Amino acid sequence: MASLTVLSVTAVPDHVRGALTRWLIEVTPHLYVGTVSAKVREELWSAVAGCVADGVAVLVHPAQNEQGFDLRTVGAQRRNPVDFDGLLLVAQARSPEPNGQETAKP
């Protein structure tokens, strides 16, 4: 059964972007949305994940869980999905202070 899929990519080759536009609509630069089957979604994700070198890719699609969606990422990024007792949260990596110490923010 087809379901809504959202895919965000950065720094992928043009041929991958072209393949994505065959199945999804590029609503803004590097953000693709469409309704595709699970098989097509997996094939697209495989193509993107295999070509992301210095870039980042994020895939959001429906899932049978509490939140109703699943999130996948590939590439080096500051935000990473974390499973917290079955709830998917996004953790943001801290940037170290120049002197190597962390400071409290009010």
Foldseek 3Di string as FASTA:
>chain_A
DWWKKKKAKDDFDPVLVVVLVVAFPCPDVRITIHIDDPVVVVVNVVVRQVGPDQMKMKMWTADPAPVRIDIDMHHDDQWDWDQDPRDTDIDGHDDADPVRDDDDDD
